[in-house]
Amino acid sequence: MRSFLVAFILITTLQAGAQTHAISNGQTSAQKVVIVTGVRFSYKLVQKWIDEYNKINPEIQIVIESRGSSDPGNYDVLAEVYEHHESLKQTREYIYVGRYAVLPVAVFGSEFASVYEKKGLTKKIIQQVYFHNLFADNDEKGNIKAPFTVYTRMQKAGVPSVFANYFGFEQKDINGKGIAGSDEHLLKAMLRDSTGISYLPLTLAYDHATRKPVAGLTVLPVDIDDNGKINDGEKFFGNLDDVIRRIESAGGRDVKNIPIEYLHLSVDKDNASAEAVAFLQWINENGQKHLNEFGYLLPESSRFDKSTFNDFASKRSY
């Protein structure tokens, strides 16, 4: 009996000590959790924001969950790269925090990459190569001698929709092999084919550390002034920082043949937790400083208004 009592006292003491240690380190059993989901290629940037936010708010646990079949309303924060339909938009509050650009890519060393890294892609060639185009000139299509195999997303998704819509098509009109999964799966599948070509957002097309195209990939120059030919001044796609600088400095209206769309984050207007709103407020104030590092463009001043989300947050009562 005495040994049992001693053991009980020892266990109780250890548990109390562990709890005291946890509290002293900013941890509590009732730690608040914020769950973020959305487009997979945004996760590295979102994780950077989480890491920076937790330096000053360690008591809030923010986790990223891959999007499943669950209702979006089951998540605290949505990070998306396409516009929600109107019925959903009416229920959510947004910050349009940054932009992403989509570029044509090919497997490094392929005949197609070798030819069109020098020649570049005009709008007409992009339409002929990537899309089922009933109005294309068959003689002009025949002038593309280099073999290629287009890889595209199988499921309806943000990037292929943005890419197709920009050039006057729908996602279903994109030629080629449909790949199930995310944009990352699309990249991996394309790289296994020596004739592969596709389209990718900057953040996936370039290595964030070296600022060069990811190993095995060539980012193809495009006709950014849309005059029907590519000059040497338009061949700046070998370095991520050069691409970002050129697009940002030119302004959206002066950059042609590069689809550009917004990355936005949102919370439910009526049911967002205080912790989720506070996290988005922090991104609203601080998130832009990390955009270029991960291959995103700064938002246009006409679209990004800090005060809108801050006003929403100030009116919330918890």
C-alpha atoms as a PDB file:
ATOM      1  CA  MET A   1       0.000   0.000   0.000  1.00  0.00           C
ATOM      2  CA  ARG A   2       2.782   2.361   0.908  1.00  0.00           C
ATOM      3  CA  SER A   3       4.666   1.675  -2.362  1.00  0.00           C
ATOM      4  CA  PHE A   4       1.436   2.368  -4.313  1.00  0.00           C
ATOM      5  CA  LEU A   5       1.033   5.698  -2.491  1.00  0.00           C
ATOM      6  CA  VAL A   6       4.619   6.700  -3.205  1.00  0.00           C
ATOM      7  CA  ALA A   7       4.199   5.857  -6.910  1.00  0.00           C
ATOM      8  CA  PHE A   8       0.964   7.861  -7.079  1.00  0.00           C
ATOM      9  CA  ILE A   9       2.606  10.918  -5.509  1.00  0.00           C
ATOM     10  CA  LEU A  10       5.569  10.629  -7.885  1.00  0.00           C
ATOM     11  CA  ILE A  11       3.364  10.415 -11.008  1.00  0.00           C
ATOM     12  CA  THR A  12       1.220  13.330  -9.854  1.00  0.00           C
ATOM     13  CA  THR A  13       4.306  15.441  -9.220  1.00  0.00           C
ATOM     14  CA  LEU A  14       5.759  14.654 -12.643  1.00  0.00           C
ATOM     15  CA  GLN A  15       2.467  15.508 -14.385  1.00  0.00           C
ATOM     16  CA  ALA A  16       2.220  18.816 -12.532  1.00  0.00           C
ATOM     17  CA  GLY A  17       5.792  19.626 -13.476  1.00  0.00           C
ATOM     18  CA  ALA A  18       5.149  18.817 -17.137  1.00  0.00           C
ATOM     19  CA  GLN A  19       2.076  21.055 -17.165  1.00  0.00           C
ATOM     20  CA  THR A  20       4.016  23.889 -15.561  1.00  0.00           C
ATOM     21  CA  HIS A  21       6.797  23.476 -18.142  1.00  0.00           C
ATOM     22  CA  ALA A  22       4.277  23.511 -21.018  1.00  0.00           C
ATOM     23  CA  ILE A  23       2.586  26.673 -19.732  1.00  0.00           C
ATOM     24  CA  SER A  24       5.932  28.393 -19.235  1.00  0.00           C
ATOM     25  CA  ASN A  25       6.715  27.661 -22.890  1.00  0.00           C
ATOM     26  CA  GLY A  26       3.467  29.134 -24.184  1.00  0.00           C
ATOM     27  CA  GLN A  27       1.661  25.818 -24.639  1.00  0.00           C
ATOM     28  CA  THR A  28      -1.758  24.989 -23.258  1.00  0.00           C
ATOM     29  CA  SER A  29      -4.051  22.020 -23.587  1.00  0.00           C
ATOM     30  CA  ALA A  30      -6.665  24.380 -25.078  1.00  0.00           C
ATOM     31  CA  GLN A  31      -4.390  25.675 -27.828  1.00  0.00           C
ATOM     32  CA  LYS A  32      -6.385  27.249 -30.654  1.00  0.00           C
ATOM     33  CA  VAL A  33      -6.099  25.605 -34.075  1.00  0.00           C
ATOM     34  CA  VAL A  34      -6.623  27.241 -37.484  1.00  0.00           C
ATOM     35  CA  ILE A  35      -6.893  24.931 -40.507  1.00  0.00           C
ATOM     36  CA  VAL A  36      -5.887  26.210 -43.944  1.00  0.00           C
ATOM     37  CA  THR A  37      -6.553  24.453 -47.244  1.00  0.00           C
ATOM     38  CA  GLY A  38      -6.687  25.299 -50.920  1.00  0.00           C
ATOM     39  CA  VAL A  39      -4.467  25.125 -53.976  1.00  0.00           C
ATOM     40  CA  ARG A  40      -1.500  22.881 -53.337  1.00  0.00           C
ATOM     41  CA  PHE A  41       1.178  25.024 -54.985  1.00  0.00           C
ATOM     42  CA  SER A  42       0.478  27.853 -52.525  1.00  0.00           C
ATOM     43  CA  TYR A  43       1.424  25.729 -49.513  1.00  0.00           C
ATOM     44  CA  LYS A  44       5.109  26.720 -49.367  1.00  0.00           C
ATOM     45  CA  LEU A  45       4.220  30.400 -49.266  1.00  0.00           C
ATOM     46  CA  VAL A  46       1.425  29.820 -46.752  1.00  0.00           C
ATOM     47  CA  GLN A  47       3.792  27.800 -44.563  1.00  0.00           C
ATOM     48  CA  LYS A  48       6.270  30.688 -44.624  1.00  0.00           C
ATOM     49  CA  TRP A  49       3.508  32.990 -43.386  1.00  0.00           C
ATOM     50  CA  ILE A  50       2.606  30.492 -40.663  1.00  0.00           C
ATOM     51  CA  ASP A  51       6.222  30.253 -39.499  1.00  0.00           C
ATOM     52  CA  GLU A  52       6.625  34.023 -39.369  1.00  0.00           C
ATOM     53  CA  TYR A  53       3.274  34.524 -37.649  1.00  0.00           C
ATOM     54  CA  ASN A  54       4.082  31.914 -34.996  1.00  0.00           C
ATOM     55  CA  LYS A  55       7.234  33.792 -34.034  1.00  0.00           C
ATOM     56  CA  ILE A  56       5.017  36.430 -32.460  1.00  0.00           C
ATOM     57  CA  ASN A  57       1.925  34.293 -31.804  1.00  0.00           C
ATOM     58  CA  PRO A  58       3.229  30.887 -30.676  1.00  0.00           C
ATOM     59  CA  GLU A  59       0.004  30.117 -28.829  1.00  0.00           C
ATOM     60  CA  ILE A  60      -1.916  29.736 -32.113  1.00  0.00           C
ATOM     61  CA  GLN A  61      -1.490  26.478 -34.026  1.00  0.00           C
ATOM     62  CA  ILE A  62      -2.021  26.909 -37.767  1.00  0.00           C
ATOM     63  CA  VAL A  63      -1.952  23.790 -39.927  1.00  0.00           C
ATOM     64  CA  ILE A  64      -2.305  23.136 -43.651  1.00  0.00           C
ATOM     65  CA  GLU A  65      -4.548  20.285 -44.767  1.00  0.00           C
ATOM     66  CA  SER A  66      -4.692  19.038 -48.340  1.00  0.00           C
ATOM     67  CA  ARG A  67      -8.066  19.737 -49.879  1.00  0.00           C
ATOM     68  CA  GLY A  68     -10.292  16.685 -49.877  1.00  0.00           C
ATOM     69  CA  SER A  69     -13.929  16.211 -50.729  1.00  0.00           C
ATOM     70  CA  SER A  70     -15.066  18.085 -47.629  1.00  0.00           C
ATOM     71  CA  ASP A  71     -17.225  21.176 -47.828  1.00  0.00           C
ATOM     72  CA  PRO A  72     -14.966  24.278 -47.976  1.00  0.00           C
ATOM     73  CA  GLY A  73     -16.905  25.593 -44.998  1.00  0.00           C
ATOM     74  CA  ASN A  74     -15.228  22.938 -42.839  1.00  0.00           C
ATOM     75  CA  TYR A  75     -11.922  24.815 -43.102  1.00  0.00           C
ATOM     76  CA  ASP A  76     -10.986  28.071 -41.395  1.00  0.00           C
ATOM     77  CA  VAL A  77      -9.048  29.646 -44.280  1.00  0.00           C
ATOM     78  CA  LEU A  78      -9.203  28.972 -48.023  1.00  0.00           C
ATOM     79  CA  ALA A  79      -6.207  29.810 -50.251  1.00  0.00           C
ATOM     80  CA  GLU A  80      -7.349  29.743 -53.880  1.00  0.00           C
ATOM     81  CA  VAL A  81      -6.118  30.837 -57.318  1.00  0.00           C
ATOM     82  CA  TYR A  82      -9.410  31.247 -59.158  1.00  0.00           C
ATOM     83  CA  GLU A  83     -12.548  33.255 -58.513  1.00  0.00           C
ATOM     84  CA  HIS A  84     -15.203  31.516 -56.440  1.00  0.00           C
ATOM     85  CA  HIS A  85     -18.722  31.330 -57.814  1.00  0.00           C
ATOM     86  CA  GLU A  86     -21.020  34.118 -56.695  1.00  0.00           C
ATOM     87  CA  SER A  87     -23.005  32.092 -54.169  1.00  0.00           C
ATOM     88  CA  LEU A  88     -19.807  31.291 -52.261  1.00  0.00           C
ATOM     89  CA  LYS A  89     -18.299  34.779 -52.659  1.00  0.00           C
ATOM     90  CA  GLN A  90     -21.277  36.312 -50.889  1.00  0.00           C
ATOM     91  CA  THR A  91     -20.481  34.313 -47.751  1.00  0.00           C
ATOM     92  CA  ARG A  92     -16.734  34.995 -47.525  1.00  0.00           C
ATOM     93  CA  GLU A  93     -14.352  37.886 -46.856  1.00  0.00           C
ATOM     94  CA  TYR A  94     -11.224  38.054 -49.039  1.00  0.00           C
ATOM     95  CA  ILE A  95      -7.734  39.450 -49.264  1.00  0.00           C
ATOM     96  CA  TYR A  96      -6.216  39.472 -52.763  1.00  0.00           C
ATOM     97  CA  VAL A  97      -2.721  39.190 -51.449  1.00  0.00           C
ATOM     98  CA  GLY A  98      -0.640  38.513 -54.567  1.00  0.00           C
ATOM     99  CA  ARG A  99      -0.619  37.418 -58.195  1.00  0.00           C
ATOM    100  CA  TYR A 100       0.772  34.417 -60.036  1.00  0.00           C
ATOM    101  CA  ALA A 101       1.798  34.156 -63.693  1.00  0.00           C
ATOM    102  CA  VAL A 102       1.498  31.072 -65.914  1.00  0.00           C
ATOM    103  CA  LEU A 103       4.165  30.259 -68.519  1.00  0.00           C
ATOM    104  CA  PRO A 104       4.670  27.557 -71.165  1.00  0.00           C
ATOM    105  CA  VAL A 105       7.365  25.021 -70.320  1.00  0.00           C
ATOM    106  CA  ALA A 106       9.102  22.108 -72.036  1.00  0.00           C
ATOM    107  CA  VAL A 107      11.444  19.308 -71.027  1.00  0.00           C
ATOM    108  CA  PHE A 108      15.020  20.556 -71.101  1.00  0.00           C
ATOM    109  CA  GLY A 109      17.045  19.201 -74.023  1.00  0.00           C
ATOM    110  CA  SER A 110      14.003  18.208 -76.072  1.00  0.00           C
ATOM    111  CA  GLU A 111      13.827  19.263 -79.712  1.00  0.00           C
ATOM    112  CA  PHE A 112      10.810  21.450 -78.944  1.00  0.00           C
ATOM    113  CA  ALA A 113      12.656  23.197 -76.103  1.00  0.00           C
ATOM    114  CA  SER A 114      15.764  23.736 -78.231  1.00  0.00           C
ATOM    115  CA  VAL A 115      13.782  25.261 -81.105  1.00  0.00           C
ATOM    116  CA  TYR A 116      11.361  27.439 -79.165  1.00  0.00           C
ATOM    117  CA  GLU A 117      13.771  28.611 -76.476  1.00  0.00           C
ATOM    118  CA  LYS A 118      15.365  30.489 -79.392  1.00  0.00           C
ATOM    119  CA  LYS A 119      12.280  31.281 -81.476  1.00  0.00           C
ATOM    120  CA  GLY A 120       9.865  31.867 -78.611  1.00  0.00           C
ATOM    121  CA  LEU A 121       6.113  31.359 -78.716  1.00  0.00           C
ATOM    122  CA  THR A 122       3.693  33.812 -80.271  1.00  0.00           C
ATOM    123  CA  LYS A 123       0.035  33.803 -79.331  1.00  0.00           C
ATOM    124  CA  LYS A 124      -0.807  31.968 -82.553  1.00  0.00           C
ATOM    125  CA  ILE A 125       1.700  29.199 -81.885  1.00  0.00           C
ATOM    126  CA  ILE A 126       0.468  28.792 -78.304  1.00  0.00           C
ATOM    127  CA  GLN A 127      -3.089  28.416 -79.575  1.00  0.00           C
ATOM    128  CA  GLN A 128      -2.021  25.895 -82.209  1.00  0.00           C
ATOM    129  CA  VAL A 129       0.119  23.794 -79.890  1.00  0.00           C
ATOM    130  CA  TYR A 130      -1.935  23.708 -76.703  1.00  0.00           C
ATOM    131  CA  PHE A 131      -5.555  23.770 -77.835  1.00  0.00           C
ATOM    132  CA  HIS A 132      -8.150  22.019 -79.977  1.00  0.00           C
ATOM    133  CA  ASN A 133      -8.650  24.947 -82.310  1.00  0.00           C
ATOM    134  CA  LEU A 134     -11.231  24.387 -85.049  1.00  0.00           C
ATOM    135  CA  PHE A 135     -10.248  27.671 -86.681  1.00  0.00           C
ATOM    136  CA  ALA A 136      -6.503  27.077 -86.825  1.00  0.00           C
ATOM    137  CA  ASP A 137      -4.795  27.221 -90.199  1.00  0.00           C
ATOM    138  CA  ASN A 138      -3.688  23.663 -90.961  1.00  0.00           C
ATOM    139  CA  ASP A 139      -0.790  24.869 -93.089  1.00  0.00           C
ATOM    140  CA  GLU A 140       0.563  26.914 -90.192  1.00  0.00           C
ATOM    141  CA  LYS A 141       0.090  23.993 -87.794  1.00  0.00           C
ATOM    142  CA  GLY A 142       2.178  21.899 -90.161  1.00  0.00           C
ATOM    143  CA  ASN A 143       5.076  24.312 -89.777  1.00  0.00           C
ATOM    144  CA  ILE A 144       5.657  23.102 -86.204  1.00  0.00           C
ATOM    145  CA  LYS A 145       8.131  20.315 -86.949  1.00  0.00           C
ATOM    146  CA  ALA A 146       9.529  19.632 -83.462  1.00  0.00           C
ATOM    147  CA  PRO A 147       7.710  16.732 -81.766  1.00  0.00           C
ATOM    148  CA  PHE A 148       5.816  17.539 -78.597  1.00  0.00           C
ATOM    149  CA  THR A 149       3.309  16.008 -76.199  1.00  0.00           C
ATOM    150  CA  VAL A 150       1.089  18.357 -74.200  1.00  0.00           C
ATOM    151  CA  TYR A 151       0.444  17.480 -70.555  1.00  0.00           C
ATOM    152  CA  THR A 152      -2.515  19.033 -68.767  1.00  0.00           C
ATOM    153  CA  ARG A 153      -4.630  18.657 -65.632  1.00  0.00           C
ATOM    154  CA  MET A 154      -7.406  16.070 -65.807  1.00  0.00           C
ATOM    155  CA  GLN A 155      -9.687  17.611 -63.191  1.00  0.00           C
ATOM    156  CA  LYS A 156     -11.123  21.099 -63.418  1.00  0.00           C
ATOM    157  CA  ALA A 157      -8.645  23.388 -61.672  1.00  0.00           C
ATOM    158  CA  GLY A 158      -7.514  26.981 -61.336  1.00  0.00           C
ATOM    159  CA  VAL A 159      -4.300  27.129 -63.366  1.00  0.00           C
ATOM    160  CA  PRO A 160      -5.518  25.289 -66.503  1.00  0.00           C
ATOM    161  CA  SER A 161      -8.733  27.316 -66.452  1.00  0.00           C
ATOM    162  CA  VAL A 162      -6.794  30.584 -66.205  1.00  0.00           C
ATOM    163  CA  PHE A 163      -4.379  29.470 -68.939  1.00  0.00           C
ATOM    164  CA  ALA A 164      -7.166  28.408 -71.307  1.00  0.00           C
ATOM    165  CA  ASN A 165      -9.446  31.388 -70.687  1.00  0.00           C
ATOM    166  CA  TYR A 166      -6.658  33.856 -71.360  1.00  0.00           C
ATOM    167  CA  PHE A 167      -6.168  32.469 -74.873  1.00  0.00           C
ATOM    168  CA  GLY A 168      -9.880  32.307 -75.636  1.00  0.00           C
ATOM    169  CA  PHE A 169     -10.613  28.687 -74.739  1.00  0.00           C
ATOM    170  CA  GLU A 170     -11.941  26.546 -71.912  1.00  0.00           C
ATOM    171  CA  GLN A 171      -9.985  23.981 -69.923  1.00  0.00           C
ATOM    172  CA  LYS A 172     -11.662  21.145 -71.835  1.00  0.00           C
ATOM    173  CA  ASP A 173     -10.117  22.507 -75.045  1.00  0.00           C
ATOM    174  CA  ILE A 174      -6.529  21.892 -73.920  1.00  0.00           C
ATOM    175  CA  ASN A 175      -4.836  19.148 -75.958  1.00  0.00           C
ATOM    176  CA  GLY A 176      -2.857  16.257 -74.637  1.00  0.00           C
ATOM    177  CA  LYS A 177      -2.557  13.798 -71.804  1.00  0.00           C
ATOM    178  CA  GLY A 178      -4.711  14.489 -68.774  1.00  0.00           C
ATOM    179  CA  ILE A 179      -2.901  13.954 -65.474  1.00  0.00           C
ATOM    180  CA  ALA A 180      -4.801  13.288 -62.256  1.00  0.00           C
ATOM    181  CA  GLY A 181      -3.732  15.121 -59.139  1.00  0.00           C
ATOM    182  CA  SER A 182      -2.178  18.526 -58.546  1.00  0.00           C
ATOM    183  CA  ASP A 183      -0.015  20.887 -60.600  1.00  0.00           C
ATOM    184  CA  GLU A 184       3.010  19.234 -58.976  1.00  0.00           C
ATOM    185  CA  HIS A 185       1.872  15.858 -60.350  1.00  0.00           C
ATOM    186  CA  LEU A 186       1.525  17.459 -63.774  1.00  0.00           C
ATOM    187  CA  LEU A 187       5.140  18.666 -63.621  1.00  0.00           C
ATOM    188  CA  LYS A 188       6.457  15.247 -62.591  1.00  0.00           C
ATOM    189  CA  ALA A 189       4.548  13.455 -65.347  1.00  0.00           C
ATOM    190  CA  MET A 190       5.751  15.878 -68.018  1.00  0.00           C
ATOM    191  CA  LEU A 191       9.387  15.528 -66.959  1.00  0.00           C
ATOM    192  CA  ARG A 192       9.229  11.776 -67.566  1.00  0.00           C
ATOM    193  CA  ASP A 193       8.500  12.353 -71.276  1.00  0.00           C
ATOM    194  CA  SER A 194      11.346  13.597 -73.484  1.00  0.00           C
ATOM    195  CA  THR A 195       8.783  15.344 -75.732  1.00  0.00           C
ATOM    196  CA  GLY A 196       6.737  16.810 -72.870  1.00  0.00           C
ATOM    197  CA  ILE A 197       5.434  20.376 -72.767  1.00  0.00           C
ATOM    198  CA  SER A 198       2.951  22.013 -70.411  1.00  0.00           C
ATOM    199  CA  TYR A 199       2.127  25.257 -68.556  1.00  0.00           C
ATOM    200  CA  LEU A 200       3.038  26.104 -64.961  1.00  0.00           C
ATOM    201  CA  PRO A 201       2.828  28.966 -62.458  1.00  0.00           C
ATOM    202  CA  LEU A 202       6.163  30.661 -61.758  1.00  0.00           C
ATOM    203  CA  THR A 203       6.350  29.243 -58.245  1.00  0.00           C
ATOM    204  CA  LEU A 204       6.513  25.686 -59.662  1.00  0.00           C
ATOM    205  CA  ALA A 205       8.528  26.401 -62.797  1.00  0.00           C
ATOM    206  CA  TYR A 206      11.519  27.871 -60.920  1.00  0.00           C
ATOM    207  CA  ASP A 207      13.763  26.706 -58.099  1.00  0.00           C
ATOM    208  CA  HIS A 208      13.280  29.187 -55.243  1.00  0.00           C
ATOM    209  CA  ALA A 209      16.895  28.855 -54.089  1.00  0.00           C
ATOM    210  CA  THR A 210      18.790  29.067 -57.403  1.00  0.00           C
ATOM    211  CA  ARG A 211      16.136  31.252 -59.120  1.00  0.00           C
ATOM    212  CA  LYS A 212      16.634  29.144 -62.274  1.00  0.00           C
ATOM    213  CA  PRO A 213      14.088  26.814 -63.916  1.00  0.00           C
ATOM    214  CA  VAL A 214      13.709  23.591 -61.955  1.00  0.00           C
ATOM    215  CA  ALA A 215      16.041  20.783 -63.011  1.00  0.00           C
ATOM    216  CA  GLY A 216      14.962  19.225 -66.278  1.00  0.00           C
ATOM    217  CA  LEU A 217      12.745  22.144 -67.313  1.00  0.00           C
ATOM    218  CA  THR A 218      12.971  24.938 -69.892  1.00  0.00           C
ATOM    219  CA  VAL A 219      10.718  27.967 -69.485  1.00  0.00           C
ATOM    220  CA  LEU A 220       9.838  29.147 -72.987  1.00  0.00           C
ATOM    221  CA  PRO A 221       9.918  32.860 -73.919  1.00  0.00           C
ATOM    222  CA  VAL A 222       6.693  34.390 -75.218  1.00  0.00           C
ATOM    223  CA  ASP A 223       5.798  37.396 -77.340  1.00  0.00           C
ATOM    224  CA  ILE A 224       5.088  39.829 -74.500  1.00  0.00           C
ATOM    225  CA  ASP A 225       4.373  42.828 -76.721  1.00  0.00           C
ATOM    226  CA  ASP A 226       2.181  40.689 -79.012  1.00  0.00           C
ATOM    227  CA  ASN A 227       3.713  41.971 -82.250  1.00  0.00           C
ATOM    228  CA  GLY A 228       3.967  38.493 -83.766  1.00  0.00           C
ATOM    229  CA  LYS A 229       7.687  37.942 -83.184  1.00  0.00           C
ATOM    230  CA  ILE A 230      10.095  37.490 -80.270  1.00  0.00           C
ATOM    231  CA  ASN A 231      13.117  39.778 -80.009  1.00  0.00           C
ATOM    232  CA  ASP A 232      16.153  39.373 -77.763  1.00  0.00           C
ATOM    233  CA  GLY A 233      14.647  41.719 -75.183  1.00  0.00           C
ATOM    234  CA  GLU A 234      11.843  39.244 -74.600  1.00  0.00           C
ATOM    235  CA  LYS A 235      14.193  36.354 -73.773  1.00  0.00           C
ATOM    236  CA  PHE A 236      14.573  36.911 -70.036  1.00  0.00           C
ATOM    237  CA  PHE A 237      13.042  33.692 -68.727  1.00  0.00           C
ATOM    238  CA  GLY A 238      16.234  32.052 -67.457  1.00  0.00           C
ATOM    239  CA  ASN A 239      16.004  33.759 -64.058  1.00  0.00           C
ATOM    240  CA  LEU A 240      12.988  34.062 -61.775  1.00  0.00           C
ATOM    241  CA  ASP A 241      13.902  37.512 -60.462  1.00  0.00           C
ATOM    242  CA  ASP A 242      14.227  38.850 -64.013  1.00  0.00           C
ATOM    243  CA  VAL A 243      10.781  37.514 -64.878  1.00  0.00           C
ATOM    244  CA  ILE A 244       9.188  39.048 -61.787  1.00  0.00           C
ATOM    245  CA  ARG A 245      10.936  42.377 -62.336  1.00  0.00           C
ATOM    246  CA  ARG A 246       9.917  42.637 -65.966  1.00  0.00           C
ATOM    247  CA  ILE A 247       6.274  41.754 -65.358  1.00  0.00           C
ATOM    248  CA  GLU A 248       5.873  43.976 -62.300  1.00  0.00           C
ATOM    249  CA  SER A 249       7.597  46.952 -63.891  1.00  0.00           C
ATOM    250  CA  ALA A 250       5.646  46.696 -67.132  1.00  0.00           C
ATOM    251  CA  GLY A 251       2.228  46.513 -65.532  1.00  0.00           C
ATOM    252  CA  GLY A 252      -0.484  44.015 -66.361  1.00  0.00           C
ATOM    253  CA  ARG A 253      -1.813  45.789 -69.445  1.00  0.00           C
ATOM    254  CA  ASP A 254       1.597  45.940 -71.107  1.00  0.00           C
ATOM    255  CA  VAL A 255       2.394  42.235 -70.683  1.00  0.00           C
ATOM    256  CA  LYS A 256       0.789  40.037 -73.312  1.00  0.00           C
ATOM    257  CA  ASN A 257       0.575  36.253 -73.668  1.00  0.00           C
ATOM    258  CA  ILE A 258       1.284  35.656 -69.972  1.00  0.00           C
ATOM    259  CA  PRO A 259      -1.874  34.745 -68.050  1.00  0.00           C
ATOM    260  CA  ILE A 260      -1.860  36.419 -64.638  1.00  0.00           C
ATOM    261  CA  GLU A 261      -4.348  35.820 -61.843  1.00  0.00           C
ATOM    262  CA  TYR A 262      -4.668  36.395 -58.101  1.00  0.00           C
ATOM    263  CA  LEU A 263      -3.931  34.233 -55.110  1.00  0.00           C
ATOM    264  CA  HIS A 264      -6.591  35.092 -52.562  1.00  0.00           C
ATOM    265  CA  LEU A 265      -7.258  33.990 -48.996  1.00  0.00           C
ATOM    266  CA  SER A 266     -10.681  34.069 -47.410  1.00  0.00           C
ATOM    267  CA  VAL A 267     -12.679  33.314 -44.274  1.00  0.00           C
ATOM    268  CA  ASP A 268     -16.365  32.783 -43.652  1.00  0.00           C
ATOM    269  CA  LYS A 269     -18.025  36.144 -42.989  1.00  0.00           C
ATOM    270  CA  ASP A 270     -20.287  34.840 -40.236  1.00  0.00           C
ATOM    271  CA  ASN A 271     -18.423  31.941 -38.669  1.00  0.00           C
ATOM    272  CA  ALA A 272     -14.708  32.768 -38.891  1.00  0.00           C
ATOM    273  CA  SER A 273     -12.814  32.273 -35.642  1.00  0.00           C
ATOM    274  CA  ALA A 274     -10.948  35.160 -34.049  1.00  0.00           C
ATOM    275  CA  GLU A 275      -7.694  33.290 -34.625  1.00  0.00           C
ATOM    276  CA  ALA A 276      -8.326  32.840 -38.367  1.00  0.00           C
ATOM    277  CA  VAL A 277      -9.241  36.517 -38.797  1.00  0.00           C
ATOM    278  CA  ALA A 278      -6.133  37.597 -36.857  1.00  0.00           C
ATOM    279  CA  PHE A 279      -3.915  35.421 -39.077  1.00  0.00           C
ATOM    280  CA  LEU A 280      -5.334  36.962 -42.248  1.00  0.00           C
ATOM    281  CA  GLN A 281      -4.945  40.440 -40.762  1.00  0.00           C
ATOM    282  CA  TRP A 282      -1.263  39.709 -40.223  1.00  0.00           C
ATOM    283  CA  ILE A 283      -0.910  38.512 -43.834  1.00  0.00           C
ATOM    284  CA  ASN A 284      -2.812  41.593 -44.949  1.00  0.00           C
ATOM    285  CA  GLU A 285      -0.178  43.785 -43.293  1.00  0.00           C
ATOM    286  CA  ASN A 286       2.981  41.688 -43.717  1.00  0.00           C
ATOM    287  CA  GLY A 287       2.515  38.981 -46.339  1.00  0.00           C
ATOM    288  CA  GLN A 288       3.656  40.914 -49.394  1.00  0.00           C
ATOM    289  CA  LYS A 289       7.307  40.916 -48.319  1.00  0.00           C
ATOM    290  CA  HIS A 290       7.464  37.141 -48.988  1.00  0.00           C
ATOM    291  CA  LEU A 291       5.758  37.037 -52.387  1.00  0.00           C
ATOM    292  CA  ASN A 292       8.747  37.468 -54.721  1.00  0.00           C
ATOM    293  CA  GLU A 293      10.816  34.937 -52.766  1.00  0.00           C
ATOM    294  CA  PHE A 294       8.313  32.243 -53.723  1.00  0.00           C
ATOM    295  CA  GLY A 295       7.708  33.351 -57.308  1.00  0.00           C
ATOM    296  CA  TYR A 296       4.604  35.506 -56.871  1.00  0.00           C
ATOM    297  CA  LEU A 297       3.951  39.012 -58.113  1.00  0.00           C
ATOM    298  CA  LEU A 298       2.886  41.942 -56.000  1.00  0.00           C
ATOM    299  CA  PRO A 299      -0.819  42.770 -56.283  1.00  0.00           C
ATOM    300  CA  GLU A 300      -2.041  45.756 -58.239  1.00  0.00           C
ATOM    301  CA  SER A 301      -2.786  48.708 -55.988  1.00  0.00           C
ATOM    302  CA  SER A 302      -6.295  48.932 -57.426  1.00  0.00           C
ATOM    303  CA  ARG A 303      -7.066  45.384 -56.246  1.00  0.00           C
ATOM    304  CA  PHE A 304      -5.277  45.217 -52.909  1.00  0.00           C
ATOM    305  CA  ASP A 305      -6.855  47.395 -50.234  1.00  0.00           C
ATOM    306  CA  LYS A 306      -5.754  46.654 -46.679  1.00  0.00           C
ATOM    307  CA  SER A 307      -8.544  48.690 -45.181  1.00  0.00           C
ATOM    308  CA  THR A 308     -11.329  46.475 -46.547  1.00  0.00           C
ATOM    309  CA  PHE A 309     -10.336  43.386 -44.579  1.00  0.00           C
ATOM    310  CA  ASN A 310      -9.279  45.446 -41.562  1.00  0.00           C
ATOM    311  CA  ASP A 311     -12.729  47.037 -41.465  1.00  0.00           C
ATOM    312  CA  PHE A 312     -14.300  43.597 -41.586  1.00  0.00           C
ATOM    313  CA  ALA A 313     -12.077  42.395 -38.747  1.00  0.00           C
ATOM    314  CA  SER A 314     -12.793  45.426 -36.571  1.00  0.00           C
ATOM    315  CA  LYS A 315     -16.537  44.828 -36.795  1.00  0.00           C
ATOM    316  CA  ARG A 316     -16.313  41.228 -35.653  1.00  0.00           C
ATOM    317  CA  SER A 317     -17.422  40.438 -32.147  1.00  0.00           C
ATOM    318  CA  TYR A 318     -16.288  37.275 -30.372  1.00  0.00           C
END
